[in-house]
Amino acid sequence: MTWYVLQHKPAQGDRAVLHLQNQSIECFYPKIEIEKIQAGKRTQKLEPLFPGYIFVNLEQTDPMWAKLRSTRGVLRIVSFANRPAAIEDEVIVHIRGRLDQVSELGGIKSGQAVELDSGPFKGLEAVFLSYDGEERAVVLIQFMQTAQEVRVSLSNIRK
């Protein structure tokens, strides 16, 4: 089966997924936990990775295609040249794998022990200090008998 893209109505992604699943349609609505500052306080919030879009897994001959547009919360089927936009299964598998990595790293707190599993500091234990943008982190490592602050890619960190 191939994955296709649906656009959902504003602020109705969860509703669309619920109604699609009630019709036994396999859906993928990736969400990630992000940290926001609201009223001066840091809060964790779950937000869609692709705002406005849901992936569905259907055969082209499936009779459920006729019901997609009338499903509550669904705005339209994303298409190009009057053909639904198809996405290879490998792309969805890759996104799911990356989401697993993000969720593993998302819970790292300042002062937590981590291990660097690739890059020039591979195998070293470190202490997580803070995030440095979206893809990097500041960690503290013991190197040459002193503590050194180092900036590394988040993909190099393992809890």
N, C-alpha and C. Protein backbone atom coordinates (compact mmCIF):
# COMPACT_ATOMS: atom_id res chain seq x y z
N MET A 1 0.84 -1.19 0.00
CA MET A 1 0.00 0.00 0.00
C MET A 1 0.88 1.25 0.00
N THR A 2 0.33 2.31 -0.49
CA THR A 2 1.04 3.58 -0.58
C THR A 2 0.36 4.59 0.34
N TRP A 3 1.14 5.53 0.79
CA TRP A 3 0.63 6.58 1.66
C TRP A 3 0.25 7.78 0.81
N TYR A 4 -0.80 8.47 1.25
CA TYR A 4 -1.27 9.67 0.57
C TYR A 4 -1.45 10.77 1.62
N VAL A 5 -1.55 12.01 1.14
CA VAL A 5 -1.63 13.15 2.05
C VAL A 5 -3.02 13.77 2.00
N LEU A 6 -3.56 14.02 3.19
CA LEU A 6 -4.82 14.75 3.32
C LEU A 6 -4.53 16.06 4.03
N GLN A 7 -5.25 17.09 3.66
CA GLN A 7 -5.17 18.35 4.40
C GLN A 7 -6.40 18.40 5.31
N HIS A 8 -6.16 18.72 6.58
CA HIS A 8 -7.30 18.81 7.49
C HIS A 8 -7.71 20.25 7.70
N LYS A 9 -8.93 20.43 8.18
CA LYS A 9 -9.44 21.76 8.46
C LYS A 9 -8.64 22.36 9.61
N PRO A 10 -8.55 23.69 9.69
CA PRO A 10 -7.78 24.32 10.76
C PRO A 10 -8.21 23.83 12.15
N ALA A 11 -7.23 23.44 12.95
CA ALA A 11 -7.41 23.00 14.34
C ALA A 11 -8.30 21.75 14.46
N GLN A 12 -8.40 20.95 13.39
CA GLN A 12 -9.22 19.75 13.45
C GLN A 12 -8.46 18.49 13.07
N GLY A 13 -7.15 18.50 13.24
CA GLY A 13 -6.34 17.34 12.89
C GLY A 13 -6.70 16.11 13.71
N ASP A 14 -6.82 16.28 15.02
CA ASP A 14 -7.15 15.14 15.89
C ASP A 14 -8.55 14.62 15.57
N ARG A 15 -9.46 15.51 15.30
CA ARG A 15 -10.83 15.11 14.96
C ARG A 15 -10.83 14.30 13.65
N ALA A 16 -10.09 14.77 12.66
CA ALA A 16 -10.02 14.06 11.37
C ALA A 16 -9.42 12.67 11.55
N VAL A 17 -8.35 12.57 12.33
CA VAL A 17 -7.72 11.27 12.58
C VAL A 17 -8.69 10.33 13.26
N LEU A 18 -9.41 10.82 14.26
CA LEU A 18 -10.38 9.99 14.97
C LEU A 18 -11.44 9.43 14.02
N HIS A 19 -11.98 10.30 13.17
CA HIS A 19 -13.03 9.85 12.25
C HIS A 19 -12.47 8.95 11.14
N LEU A 20 -11.25 9.18 10.71
CA LEU A 20 -10.63 8.27 9.73
C LEU A 20 -10.41 6.90 10.34
N GLN A 21 -9.91 6.87 11.57
CA GLN A 21 -9.67 5.59 12.25
C GLN A 21 -10.98 4.86 12.52
N ASN A 22 -12.06 5.59 12.78
CA ASN A 22 -13.37 4.97 12.96
C ASN A 22 -13.84 4.26 11.68
N GLN A 23 -13.30 4.69 10.54
CA GLN A 23 -13.63 4.07 9.26
C GLN A 23 -12.59 3.00 8.87
N SER A 24 -11.72 2.65 9.83
CA SER A 24 -10.66 1.63 9.63
C SER A 24 -9.64 2.05 8.57
N ILE A 25 -9.34 3.34 8.51
CA ILE A 25 -8.31 3.84 7.61
C ILE A 25 -7.04 4.07 8.43
N GLU A 26 -5.93 3.49 7.98
CA GLU A 26 -4.67 3.65 8.70
C GLU A 26 -4.16 5.08 8.50
N CYS A 27 -3.90 5.77 9.61
CA CYS A 27 -3.47 7.17 9.58
C CYS A 27 -2.11 7.32 10.25
N PHE A 28 -1.41 8.36 9.84
CA PHE A 28 -0.16 8.75 10.49
C PHE A 28 -0.21 10.26 10.64
N TYR A 29 -0.29 10.72 11.89
CA TYR A 29 -0.37 12.15 12.20
C TYR A 29 0.76 12.44 13.19
N PRO A 30 1.98 12.60 12.67
CA PRO A 30 3.14 12.72 13.57
C PRO A 30 3.11 14.00 14.40
N LYS A 31 3.39 13.84 15.69
CA LYS A 31 3.46 14.97 16.61
C LYS A 31 4.77 14.89 17.38
N ILE A 32 5.28 16.05 17.75
CA ILE A 32 6.48 16.12 18.57
C ILE A 32 6.22 17.03 19.76
N GLU A 33 6.94 16.76 20.82
CA GLU A 33 6.82 17.59 22.01
C GLU A 33 7.80 18.74 21.89
N ILE A 34 7.27 19.94 21.99
CA ILE A 34 8.12 21.12 21.90
C ILE A 34 8.03 21.90 23.21
N GLU A 35 9.04 22.70 23.44
CA GLU A 35 9.07 23.52 24.64
C GLU A 35 8.75 24.95 24.23
N LYS A 36 7.74 25.52 24.87
CA LYS A 36 7.36 26.91 24.59
C LYS A 36 7.41 27.70 25.88
N ILE A 37 7.56 29.00 25.72
CA ILE A 37 7.51 29.88 26.88
C ILE A 37 6.18 30.62 26.80
N GLN A 38 5.32 30.35 27.79
CA GLN A 38 4.03 31.00 27.86
C GLN A 38 3.90 31.67 29.22
N ALA A 39 3.58 32.93 29.21
CA ALA A 39 3.46 33.72 30.43
C ALA A 39 4.73 33.64 31.27
N GLY A 40 5.87 33.62 30.59
CA GLY A 40 7.15 33.60 31.28
C GLY A 40 7.56 32.24 31.83
N LYS A 41 6.79 31.18 31.56
CA LYS A 41 7.13 29.85 32.06
C LYS A 41 7.32 28.89 30.90
N ARG A 42 8.28 27.99 31.07
CA ARG A 42 8.51 26.95 30.06
C ARG A 42 7.46 25.87 30.19
N THR A 43 6.84 25.52 29.07
CA THR A 43 5.85 24.45 29.07
C THR A 43 6.13 23.50 27.91
N GLN A 44 5.79 22.23 28.10
CA GLN A 44 5.93 21.24 27.05
C GLN A 44 4.58 21.11 26.36
N LYS A 45 4.61 21.12 25.04
CA LYS A 45 3.36 21.04 24.28
C LYS A 45 3.56 20.09 23.10
N LEU A 46 2.55 19.26 22.84
CA LEU A 46 2.58 18.32 21.72
C LEU A 46 1.98 19.01 20.50
N GLU A 47 2.77 19.13 19.42
CA GLU A 47 2.30 19.79 18.22
C GLU A 47 2.57 18.93 17.00
N PRO A 48 1.74 19.07 15.95
CA PRO A 48 1.95 18.29 14.72
C PRO A 48 3.29 18.63 14.07
N LEU A 49 3.95 17.61 13.55
CA LEU A 49 5.20 17.81 12.84
C LEU A 49 4.95 18.50 11.50
N PHE A 50 3.84 18.16 10.86
CA PHE A 50 3.44 18.77 9.60
C PHE A 50 2.06 19.41 9.80
N PRO A 51 2.02 20.64 10.31
CA PRO A 51 0.72 21.27 10.62
C PRO A 51 -0.18 21.31 9.38
N GLY A 52 -1.40 20.82 9.58
CA GLY A 52 -2.38 20.86 8.51
C GLY A 52 -2.48 19.59 7.68
N TYR A 53 -1.59 18.62 7.92
CA TYR A 53 -1.56 17.44 7.05
C TYR A 53 -1.59 16.13 7.83
N ILE A 54 -2.25 15.15 7.24
CA ILE A 54 -2.36 13.80 7.77
C ILE A 54 -1.99 12.84 6.65
N PHE A 55 -1.30 11.76 6.97
CA PHE A 55 -0.98 10.73 5.99
C PHE A 55 -1.94 9.56 6.16
N VAL A 56 -2.44 9.03 5.06
CA VAL A 56 -3.33 7.86 5.11
C VAL A 56 -2.76 6.77 4.21
N ASN A 57 -2.96 5.52 4.60
CA ASN A 57 -2.44 4.38 3.87
C ASN A 57 -3.60 3.65 3.21
N LEU A 58 -3.73 3.79 1.88
CA LEU A 58 -4.83 3.18 1.13
C LEU A 58 -4.33 2.65 -0.21
N GLU A 59 -5.03 1.66 -0.73
CA GLU A 59 -4.81 1.21 -2.10
C GLU A 59 -5.58 2.16 -3.02
N GLN A 60 -5.12 2.33 -4.24
CA GLN A 60 -5.82 3.22 -5.19
C GLN A 60 -7.22 2.71 -5.50
N THR A 61 -7.43 1.40 -5.38
CA THR A 61 -8.74 0.82 -5.71
C THR A 61 -9.66 0.72 -4.50
N ASP A 62 -9.22 1.18 -3.35
CA ASP A 62 -10.02 1.07 -2.12
C ASP A 62 -11.27 1.94 -2.24
N PRO A 63 -12.45 1.38 -1.91
CA PRO A 63 -13.69 2.17 -1.99
C PRO A 63 -13.76 3.31 -0.96
N MET A 64 -12.86 3.33 0.03
CA MET A 64 -12.87 4.38 1.05
C MET A 64 -12.47 5.75 0.48
N TRP A 65 -11.87 5.78 -0.71
CA TRP A 65 -11.49 7.06 -1.31
C TRP A 65 -12.69 7.99 -1.43
N ALA A 66 -13.84 7.43 -1.75
CA ALA A 66 -15.04 8.25 -1.94
C ALA A 66 -15.48 8.92 -0.63
N LYS A 67 -15.13 8.32 0.50
CA LYS A 67 -15.56 8.85 1.80
C LYS A 67 -14.56 9.83 2.42
N LEU A 68 -13.36 9.90 1.89
CA LEU A 68 -12.32 10.73 2.51
C LEU A 68 -12.72 12.20 2.62
N ARG A 69 -13.17 12.78 1.54
CA ARG A 69 -13.47 14.22 1.55
C ARG A 69 -14.64 14.58 2.44
N SER A 70 -15.55 13.63 2.67
CA SER A 70 -16.70 13.93 3.51
C SER A 70 -16.47 13.54 4.97
N THR A 71 -15.27 13.08 5.29
CA THR A 71 -14.94 12.74 6.67
C THR A 71 -14.80 14.02 7.47
N ARG A 72 -15.36 14.04 8.67
CA ARG A 72 -15.28 15.23 9.53
C ARG A 72 -13.83 15.60 9.80
N GLY A 73 -13.53 16.86 9.62
CA GLY A 73 -12.19 17.37 9.88
C GLY A 73 -11.30 17.39 8.65
N VAL A 74 -11.62 16.61 7.63
CA VAL A 74 -10.79 16.55 6.41
C VAL A 74 -11.22 17.66 5.47
N LEU A 75 -10.25 18.43 4.98
CA LEU A 75 -10.54 19.51 4.05
C LEU A 75 -10.47 19.02 2.60
N ARG A 76 -9.35 18.36 2.25
CA ARG A 76 -9.20 17.89 0.88
C ARG A 76 -8.09 16.85 0.79
N ILE A 77 -8.07 16.16 -0.33
CA ILE A 77 -6.99 15.24 -0.66
C ILE A 77 -5.94 16.06 -1.40
N VAL A 78 -4.70 16.03 -0.93
CA VAL A 78 -3.64 16.79 -1.61
C VAL A 78 -3.32 16.05 -2.91
N SER A 79 -3.41 16.78 -4.02
CA SER A 79 -3.18 16.15 -5.32
C SER A 79 -2.46 17.10 -6.25
N PHE A 80 -1.83 16.50 -7.25
CA PHE A 80 -1.13 17.24 -8.30
C PHE A 80 -1.60 16.67 -9.63
N ALA A 81 -2.00 17.54 -10.54
CA ALA A 81 -2.52 17.14 -11.85
C ALA A 81 -3.67 16.15 -11.68
N ASN A 82 -4.56 16.43 -10.73
CA ASN A 82 -5.73 15.60 -10.45
C ASN A 82 -5.40 14.17 -10.03
N ARG A 83 -4.21 13.97 -9.49
CA ARG A 83 -3.82 12.66 -8.97
C ARG A 83 -3.39 12.85 -7.51
N PRO A 84 -3.88 12.00 -6.60
CA PRO A 84 -3.48 12.14 -5.20
C PRO A 84 -1.97 12.05 -5.04
N ALA A 85 -1.43 12.91 -4.18
CA ALA A 85 0.02 12.94 -3.93
C ALA A 85 0.42 11.69 -3.17
N ALA A 86 1.19 10.83 -3.82
CA ALA A 86 1.63 9.56 -3.21
C ALA A 86 2.97 9.76 -2.53
N ILE A 87 3.14 9.04 -1.41
CA ILE A 87 4.40 9.08 -0.67
C ILE A 87 4.84 7.64 -0.46
N GLU A 88 6.09 7.38 -0.76
CA GLU A 88 6.62 6.03 -0.62
C GLU A 88 6.63 5.61 0.85
N ASP A 89 6.44 4.34 1.08
CA ASP A 89 6.43 3.79 2.43
C ASP A 89 7.74 4.06 3.17
N GLU A 90 8.86 4.06 2.43
CA GLU A 90 10.17 4.29 3.05
C GLU A 90 10.25 5.67 3.70
N VAL A 91 9.58 6.66 3.11
CA VAL A 91 9.59 8.02 3.66
C VAL A 91 8.88 8.02 5.02
N ILE A 92 7.74 7.36 5.11
CA ILE A 92 6.98 7.29 6.36
C ILE A 92 7.79 6.53 7.41
N VAL A 93 8.44 5.43 7.00
CA VAL A 93 9.28 4.66 7.93
C VAL A 93 10.41 5.55 8.45
N HIS A 94 11.02 6.34 7.58
CA HIS A 94 12.11 7.23 7.99
C HIS A 94 11.60 8.29 8.97
N ILE A 95 10.45 8.88 8.69
CA ILE A 95 9.88 9.90 9.59
C ILE A 95 9.60 9.28 10.95
N ARG A 96 9.02 8.07 10.97
CA ARG A 96 8.74 7.40 12.24
C ARG A 96 10.03 7.14 13.02
N GLY A 97 11.07 6.72 12.32
CA GLY A 97 12.36 6.48 12.98
C GLY A 97 12.93 7.74 13.59
N ARG A 98 12.86 8.84 12.86
CA ARG A 98 13.36 10.11 13.37
C ARG A 98 12.52 10.61 14.55
N LEU A 99 11.20 10.36 14.50
CA LEU A 99 10.34 10.75 15.63
C LEU A 99 10.73 9.99 16.89
N ASP A 100 11.08 8.71 16.73
CA ASP A 100 11.51 7.92 17.88
C ASP A 100 12.78 8.52 18.48
N GLN A 101 13.71 8.96 17.63
CA GLN A 101 14.94 9.58 18.12
C GLN A 101 14.62 10.88 18.84
N VAL A 102 13.73 11.69 18.27
CA VAL A 102 13.38 12.97 18.88
C VAL A 102 12.72 12.75 20.24
N SER A 103 11.83 11.76 20.33
CA SER A 103 11.14 11.53 21.60
C SER A 103 12.12 11.03 22.65
N GLU A 104 13.13 10.24 22.23
CA GLU A 104 14.14 9.79 23.19
C GLU A 104 14.94 10.96 23.73
N LEU A 105 15.28 11.90 22.84
CA LEU A 105 16.09 13.03 23.25
C LEU A 105 15.28 14.14 23.89
N GLY A 106 14.00 14.20 23.59
CA GLY A 106 13.16 15.28 24.07
C GLY A 106 13.12 15.39 25.57
N GLY A 107 13.32 14.30 26.30
CA GLY A 107 13.21 14.33 27.74
C GLY A 107 14.51 14.62 28.46
N ILE A 108 15.56 15.00 27.77
CA ILE A 108 16.83 15.25 28.44
C ILE A 108 16.74 16.54 29.24
N LYS A 109 17.12 16.44 30.48
CA LYS A 109 17.09 17.60 31.38
C LYS A 109 18.51 18.04 31.69
N SER A 110 18.65 19.29 32.03
CA SER A 110 19.95 19.83 32.40
C SER A 110 20.52 19.06 33.60
N GLY A 111 21.78 18.65 33.50
CA GLY A 111 22.43 17.91 34.57
C GLY A 111 22.35 16.40 34.42
N GLN A 112 21.61 15.93 33.41
CA GLN A 112 21.44 14.50 33.19
C GLN A 112 22.66 13.92 32.48
N ALA A 113 23.07 12.72 32.91
CA ALA A 113 24.21 12.04 32.28
C ALA A 113 23.80 11.49 30.91
N VAL A 114 24.63 11.70 29.91
CA VAL A 114 24.40 11.20 28.56
C VAL A 114 25.70 10.59 28.04
N GLU A 115 25.57 9.86 26.93
CA GLU A 115 26.76 9.30 26.29
C GLU A 115 26.79 9.80 24.86
N LEU A 116 27.97 10.11 24.37
CA LEU A 116 28.14 10.56 22.99
C LEU A 116 28.42 9.31 22.16
N ASP A 117 27.53 9.00 21.22
CA ASP A 117 27.66 7.73 20.51
C ASP A 117 28.19 7.86 19.08
N SER A 118 28.54 9.06 18.65
CA SER A 118 29.21 9.22 17.36
C SER A 118 29.90 10.57 17.35
N GLY A 119 30.65 10.81 16.32
CA GLY A 119 31.40 12.06 16.24
C GLY A 119 32.76 11.92 16.91
N PRO A 120 33.49 13.02 17.03
CA PRO A 120 34.85 12.96 17.57
C PRO A 120 34.92 12.59 19.06
N PHE A 121 33.82 12.72 19.78
CA PHE A 121 33.81 12.41 21.20
C PHE A 121 33.12 11.07 21.49
N LYS A 122 33.02 10.22 20.49
CA LYS A 122 32.33 8.94 20.60
C LYS A 122 32.84 8.14 21.80
N GLY A 123 31.88 7.63 22.58
CA GLY A 123 32.22 6.79 23.72
C GLY A 123 32.41 7.55 25.02
N LEU A 124 32.50 8.87 24.95
CA LEU A 124 32.69 9.65 26.17
C LEU A 124 31.37 9.87 26.89
N GLU A 125 31.42 9.85 28.20
CA GLU A 125 30.26 10.21 28.99
C GLU A 125 30.28 11.72 29.18
N ALA A 126 29.08 12.29 29.24
CA ALA A 126 28.99 13.74 29.37
C ALA A 126 27.78 14.09 30.24
N VAL A 127 27.70 15.35 30.58
CA VAL A 127 26.55 15.86 31.34
C VAL A 127 25.86 16.88 30.43
N PHE A 128 24.57 16.67 30.21
CA PHE A 128 23.79 17.57 29.36
C PHE A 128 23.59 18.89 30.09
N LEU A 129 23.90 20.01 29.41
CA LEU A 129 23.72 21.33 30.01
C LEU A 129 22.49 22.03 29.46
N SER A 130 22.42 22.14 28.10
CA SER A 130 21.28 22.85 27.51
C SER A 130 21.21 22.57 26.02
N TYR A 131 20.08 22.94 25.43
CA TYR A 131 19.94 22.88 23.98
C TYR A 131 20.58 24.12 23.39
N ASP A 132 21.13 23.97 22.20
CA ASP A 132 21.74 25.08 21.49
C ASP A 132 21.11 25.13 20.10
N GLY A 133 19.93 25.71 20.02
CA GLY A 133 19.17 25.70 18.77
C GLY A 133 18.37 24.42 18.66
N GLU A 134 17.93 24.11 17.44
CA GLU A 134 17.06 22.96 17.24
C GLU A 134 17.82 21.65 17.06
N GLU A 135 19.08 21.71 16.63
CA GLU A 135 19.79 20.48 16.29
C GLU A 135 21.07 20.26 17.09
N ARG A 136 21.37 21.12 18.04
CA ARG A 136 22.62 20.99 18.78
C ARG A 136 22.36 21.09 20.27
N ALA A 137 23.34 20.63 21.03
CA ALA A 137 23.25 20.68 22.49
C ALA A 137 24.61 21.06 23.06
N VAL A 138 24.59 21.62 24.25
CA VAL A 138 25.83 21.92 24.98
C VAL A 138 25.96 20.86 26.06
N VAL A 139 27.10 20.16 26.04
CA VAL A 139 27.36 19.13 27.05
C VAL A 139 28.69 19.42 27.73
N LEU A 140 28.86 18.85 28.90
CA LEU A 140 30.08 19.02 29.68
C LEU A 140 30.80 17.67 29.68
N ILE A 141 32.06 17.66 29.19
CA ILE A 141 32.83 16.42 29.18
C ILE A 141 34.11 16.61 30.00
N GLN A 142 34.62 15.51 30.51
CA GLN A 142 35.91 15.53 31.19
C GLN A 142 36.98 15.25 30.14
N PHE A 143 37.84 16.21 29.89
CA PHE A 143 38.86 16.06 28.87
C PHE A 143 40.13 16.74 29.34
N MET A 144 41.22 16.02 29.34
CA MET A 144 42.52 16.52 29.78
C MET A 144 42.42 17.05 31.21
N GLN A 145 41.76 16.30 32.05
CA GLN A 145 41.63 16.55 33.49
C GLN A 145 40.90 17.83 33.84
N THR A 146 40.11 18.35 32.88
CA THR A 146 39.26 19.50 33.17
C THR A 146 37.90 19.30 32.51
N ALA A 147 36.91 19.99 33.05
CA ALA A 147 35.58 19.93 32.47
C ALA A 147 35.51 20.93 31.31
N GLN A 148 35.08 20.44 30.16
CA GLN A 148 35.00 21.28 28.97
C GLN A 148 33.57 21.32 28.45
N GLU A 149 33.08 22.51 28.12
CA GLU A 149 31.79 22.64 27.47
C GLU A 149 31.99 22.40 25.98
N VAL A 150 31.15 21.52 25.41
CA VAL A 150 31.27 21.18 24.00
C VAL A 150 29.88 21.25 23.37
N ARG A 151 29.82 21.76 22.16
CA ARG A 151 28.56 21.78 21.41
C ARG A 151 28.58 20.61 20.44
N VAL A 152 27.53 19.77 20.51
CA VAL A 152 27.45 18.58 19.66
C VAL A 152 26.06 18.50 19.03
N SER A 153 25.97 17.72 17.98
CA SER A 153 24.69 17.47 17.33
C SER A 153 23.83 16.61 18.23
N LEU A 154 22.53 16.88 18.28
CA LEU A 154 21.62 16.07 19.10
C LEU A 154 21.62 14.61 18.67
N SER A 155 21.90 14.37 17.39
CA SER A 155 21.92 12.99 16.91
C SER A 155 23.09 12.20 17.47
N ASN A 156 24.08 12.86 18.05
CA ASN A 156 25.24 12.18 18.65
C ASN A 156 25.03 11.83 20.12
N ILE A 157 23.88 12.20 20.70
CA ILE A 157 23.64 12.03 22.13
C ILE A 157 22.72 10.84 22.37
N ARG A 158 23.07 10.04 23.39
CA ARG A 158 22.20 8.94 23.82
C ARG A 158 22.09 9.01 25.33
N LYS A 159 20.87 8.82 25.84
CA LYS A 159 20.65 8.86 27.29
C LYS A 159 21.38 7.72 27.97
